[in-house]
Amino acid sequence: MGSDHSNDDDGRVIRFRPRMGTSPRRHWAKTGAAPNYSPVPDLAKYECPESDDEYRHRMIVNAVALIFTSVLIFAGVWLANNMHA
């Protein structure tokens, strides 16, 4: 039986050329610094130092999220194990 597709279309590879002459990764490796490709101005003027209260709050929220995720995983495993019973 014959194939509907011609053999010329099988295995066709389209090669894409990079837009830049060199890869940005190679350029970063040479200079040791990441290039500044951002279309927005520097946002450093909006940064403020983090206080101890903010750090503590963030760590508490992370701990609560970890506990919640652990309980969710435990409940899923328990439910999967009890489905066959």
N, C-alpha and C. Protein backbone atom coordinates (compact mmCIF):
# COMPACT_ATOMS: atom_id res chain seq x y z
N MET A 1 0.83 -1.18 0.00
CA MET A 1 0.00 0.00 0.00
C MET A 1 0.87 1.24 0.00
N GLY A 2 0.43 2.28 -0.66
CA GLY A 2 1.21 3.50 -0.78
C GLY A 2 0.88 4.49 0.32
N SER A 3 1.79 5.37 0.56
CA SER A 3 1.62 6.40 1.55
C SER A 3 1.05 7.65 0.90
N ASP A 4 0.22 8.38 1.61
CA ASP A 4 -0.36 9.60 1.09
C ASP A 4 0.67 10.73 1.04
N HIS A 5 1.72 10.62 1.84
CA HIS A 5 2.74 11.67 1.90
C HIS A 5 3.90 11.29 0.99
N SER A 6 4.47 12.26 0.35
CA SER A 6 5.63 11.97 -0.48
C SER A 6 6.87 11.87 0.41
N ASN A 7 7.86 11.16 -0.06
CA ASN A 7 9.09 10.97 0.71
C ASN A 7 9.88 12.27 0.85
N ASP A 8 9.63 13.24 -0.03
CA ASP A 8 10.36 14.50 0.05
C ASP A 8 9.99 15.30 1.30
N ASP A 9 8.78 15.14 1.82
CA ASP A 9 8.35 15.91 2.99
C ASP A 9 8.78 15.28 4.30
N ASP A 10 9.14 14.02 4.29
CA ASP A 10 9.53 13.35 5.53
C ASP A 10 10.92 13.78 5.94
N GLY A 11 11.08 14.12 7.19
CA GLY A 11 12.38 14.44 7.73
C GLY A 11 12.91 15.80 7.34
N ARG A 12 12.06 16.69 6.94
CA ARG A 12 12.51 18.04 6.57
C ARG A 12 12.86 18.81 7.85
N VAL A 13 14.02 19.42 7.86
CA VAL A 13 14.49 20.17 9.02
C VAL A 13 14.69 21.62 8.60
N ILE A 14 14.10 22.51 9.35
CA ILE A 14 14.28 23.93 9.09
C ILE A 14 15.25 24.47 10.13
N ARG A 15 16.34 25.02 9.67
CA ARG A 15 17.34 25.55 10.58
C ARG A 15 17.09 27.05 10.79
N PHE A 16 17.05 27.45 12.05
CA PHE A 16 16.87 28.85 12.39
C PHE A 16 18.21 29.46 12.74
N ARG A 17 18.48 30.60 12.18
CA ARG A 17 19.73 31.30 12.48
C ARG A 17 19.48 32.28 13.61
N PRO A 18 20.44 32.46 14.50
CA PRO A 18 20.27 33.45 15.56
C PRO A 18 20.26 34.86 14.98
N ARG A 19 19.54 35.75 15.61
CA ARG A 19 19.44 37.12 15.13
C ARG A 19 20.72 37.91 15.39
N MET A 20 21.38 37.57 16.48
CA MET A 20 22.60 38.29 16.83
C MET A 20 23.80 37.51 16.30
N GLY A 21 24.92 38.20 16.12
CA GLY A 21 26.12 37.54 15.62
C GLY A 21 26.67 36.52 16.59
N THR A 22 26.64 36.84 17.89
CA THR A 22 27.12 35.91 18.90
C THR A 22 26.02 35.64 19.89
N SER A 23 26.12 34.53 20.53
CA SER A 23 25.13 34.17 21.53
C SER A 23 25.31 35.05 22.76
N PRO A 24 24.20 35.51 23.39
CA PRO A 24 24.34 36.33 24.59
C PRO A 24 25.06 35.58 25.71
N ARG A 25 24.87 34.26 25.79
CA ARG A 25 25.53 33.50 26.84
C ARG A 25 27.04 33.53 26.66
N ARG A 26 27.49 33.41 25.43
CA ARG A 26 28.93 33.48 25.20
C ARG A 26 29.44 34.87 25.53
N HIS A 27 28.67 35.89 25.23
CA HIS A 27 29.08 37.25 25.52
C HIS A 27 29.16 37.46 27.03
N TRP A 28 28.17 36.92 27.79
CA TRP A 28 28.19 37.06 29.25
C TRP A 28 29.40 36.35 29.83
N ALA A 29 29.72 35.20 29.29
CA ALA A 29 30.85 34.45 29.81
C ALA A 29 32.15 35.23 29.62
N LYS A 30 32.26 35.97 28.52
CA LYS A 30 33.47 36.75 28.26
C LYS A 30 33.57 37.95 29.18
N THR A 31 32.47 38.67 29.36
CA THR A 31 32.52 39.89 30.15
C THR A 31 32.32 39.64 31.63
N GLY A 32 31.64 38.56 31.99
CA GLY A 32 31.38 38.27 33.40
C GLY A 32 30.17 39.00 33.95
N ALA A 33 29.47 39.76 33.13
CA ALA A 33 28.29 40.50 33.59
C ALA A 33 27.16 40.29 32.60
N ALA A 34 25.94 40.30 33.12
CA ALA A 34 24.77 40.16 32.26
C ALA A 34 24.52 41.47 31.54
N PRO A 35 24.12 41.42 30.27
CA PRO A 35 23.85 42.65 29.54
C PRO A 35 22.57 43.31 30.03
N ASN A 36 22.44 44.59 29.77
CA ASN A 36 21.27 45.34 30.19
C ASN A 36 20.31 45.44 29.00
N TYR A 37 19.40 44.46 28.86
CA TYR A 37 18.43 44.45 27.77
C TYR A 37 17.07 44.97 28.21
N SER A 38 16.95 45.48 29.43
CA SER A 38 15.66 45.88 29.97
C SER A 38 15.16 47.16 29.30
N PRO A 39 13.89 47.16 28.85
CA PRO A 39 13.35 48.37 28.24
C PRO A 39 12.90 49.40 29.29
N VAL A 40 12.89 49.04 30.57
CA VAL A 40 12.47 49.97 31.62
C VAL A 40 13.70 50.54 32.31
N PRO A 41 13.58 51.75 32.85
CA PRO A 41 14.72 52.34 33.55
C PRO A 41 15.03 51.59 34.84
N ASP A 42 16.13 51.92 35.45
CA ASP A 42 16.57 51.26 36.67
C ASP A 42 15.53 51.46 37.78
N LEU A 43 15.16 50.39 38.45
CA LEU A 43 14.14 50.44 39.50
C LEU A 43 14.75 50.56 40.89
N ALA A 44 16.04 50.78 40.98
CA ALA A 44 16.71 50.86 42.27
C ALA A 44 16.18 52.01 43.12
N LYS A 45 15.68 53.06 42.49
CA LYS A 45 15.17 54.19 43.28
C LYS A 45 13.91 53.83 44.05
N TYR A 46 13.22 52.74 43.66
CA TYR A 46 12.01 52.31 44.36
C TYR A 46 12.28 51.27 45.44
N GLU A 47 13.49 50.76 45.50
CA GLU A 47 13.83 49.76 46.50
C GLU A 47 14.06 50.41 47.85
N CYS A 48 13.69 49.67 48.89
CA CYS A 48 13.97 50.15 50.23
C CYS A 48 14.53 48.99 51.04
N PRO A 49 15.35 49.27 52.01
CA PRO A 49 15.91 48.18 52.79
C PRO A 49 14.81 47.44 53.55
N GLU A 50 14.99 46.13 53.66
CA GLU A 50 13.99 45.31 54.33
C GLU A 50 14.20 45.35 55.84
N SER A 51 13.12 45.58 56.58
CA SER A 51 13.23 45.62 58.03
C SER A 51 13.14 44.20 58.59
N ASP A 52 13.50 44.07 59.87
CA ASP A 52 13.43 42.76 60.53
C ASP A 52 11.99 42.26 60.62
N ASP A 53 11.03 43.18 60.79
CA ASP A 53 9.62 42.78 60.87
C ASP A 53 9.14 42.20 59.55
N GLU A 54 9.54 42.80 58.43
CA GLU A 54 9.15 42.28 57.12
C GLU A 54 9.76 40.90 56.87
N TYR A 55 11.02 40.73 57.25
CA TYR A 55 11.69 39.44 57.08
C TYR A 55 11.00 38.37 57.92
N ARG A 56 10.71 38.71 59.16
CA ARG A 56 10.05 37.76 60.06
C ARG A 56 8.68 37.38 59.53
N HIS A 57 7.93 38.36 59.05
CA HIS A 57 6.59 38.09 58.49
C HIS A 57 6.70 37.18 57.27
N ARG A 58 7.67 37.45 56.39
CA ARG A 58 7.84 36.62 55.19
C ARG A 58 8.20 35.19 55.56
N MET A 59 9.06 35.01 56.58
CA MET A 59 9.43 33.66 57.00
C MET A 59 8.24 32.93 57.62
N ILE A 60 7.40 33.64 58.37
CA ILE A 60 6.20 33.01 58.96
C ILE A 60 5.24 32.58 57.85
N VAL A 61 5.05 33.44 56.86
CA VAL A 61 4.17 33.10 55.74
C VAL A 61 4.74 31.89 54.98
N ASN A 62 6.06 31.84 54.78
CA ASN A 62 6.67 30.70 54.11
C ASN A 62 6.48 29.42 54.92
N ALA A 63 6.60 29.49 56.24
CA ALA A 63 6.40 28.31 57.08
C ALA A 63 4.95 27.83 57.01
N VAL A 64 4.01 28.75 57.03
CA VAL A 64 2.60 28.37 56.93
C VAL A 64 2.32 27.73 55.57
N ALA A 65 2.90 28.28 54.52
CA ALA A 65 2.71 27.70 53.18
C ALA A 65 3.32 26.31 53.10
N LEU A 66 4.48 26.11 53.72
CA LEU A 66 5.11 24.79 53.74
C LEU A 66 4.25 23.78 54.49
N ILE A 67 3.72 24.17 55.63
CA ILE A 67 2.86 23.27 56.40
C ILE A 67 1.59 22.94 55.62
N PHE A 68 0.97 23.94 55.02
CA PHE A 68 -0.25 23.72 54.24
C PHE A 68 0.02 22.77 53.07
N THR A 69 1.12 22.99 52.36
CA THR A 69 1.47 22.12 51.24
C THR A 69 1.74 20.70 51.71
N SER A 70 2.42 20.56 52.84
CA SER A 70 2.70 19.23 53.38
C SER A 70 1.41 18.50 53.76
N VAL A 71 0.48 19.21 54.38
CA VAL A 71 -0.80 18.60 54.74
C VAL A 71 -1.57 18.21 53.49
N LEU A 72 -1.52 19.05 52.46
CA LEU A 72 -2.19 18.73 51.20
C LEU A 72 -1.59 17.48 50.56
N ILE A 73 -0.29 17.35 50.56
CA ILE A 73 0.37 16.17 50.00
C ILE A 73 0.03 14.94 50.83
N PHE A 74 0.08 15.07 52.15
CA PHE A 74 -0.26 13.95 53.01
C PHE A 74 -1.70 13.49 52.78
N ALA A 75 -2.61 14.43 52.66
CA ALA A 75 -4.02 14.08 52.43
C ALA A 75 -4.18 13.38 51.08
N GLY A 76 -3.47 13.84 50.07
CA GLY A 76 -3.56 13.21 48.75
C GLY A 76 -3.01 11.79 48.77
N VAL A 77 -1.89 11.58 49.44
CA VAL A 77 -1.31 10.23 49.53
C VAL A 77 -2.23 9.33 50.34
N TRP A 78 -2.77 9.85 51.46
CA TRP A 78 -3.67 9.05 52.29
C TRP A 78 -4.92 8.67 51.49
N LEU A 79 -5.46 9.62 50.73
CA LEU A 79 -6.67 9.35 49.94
C LEU A 79 -6.37 8.32 48.85
N ALA A 80 -5.22 8.43 48.20
CA ALA A 80 -4.87 7.48 47.15
C ALA A 80 -4.67 6.08 47.72
N ASN A 81 -4.09 5.97 48.91
CA ASN A 81 -3.88 4.67 49.54
C ASN A 81 -5.19 4.04 50.02
N ASN A 82 -6.15 4.84 50.42
CA ASN A 82 -7.42 4.32 50.92
C ASN A 82 -8.47 4.12 49.86
N MET A 83 -8.19 4.46 48.62
CA MET A 83 -9.18 4.29 47.56
C MET A 83 -9.38 2.81 47.20
N HIS A 84 -8.36 2.02 47.35
CA HIS A 84 -8.48 0.61 46.96
C HIS A 84 -9.16 -0.22 48.05
N ALA A 85 -9.30 0.31 49.23
CA ALA A 85 -9.89 -0.47 50.32
C ALA A 85 -11.39 -0.51 50.26
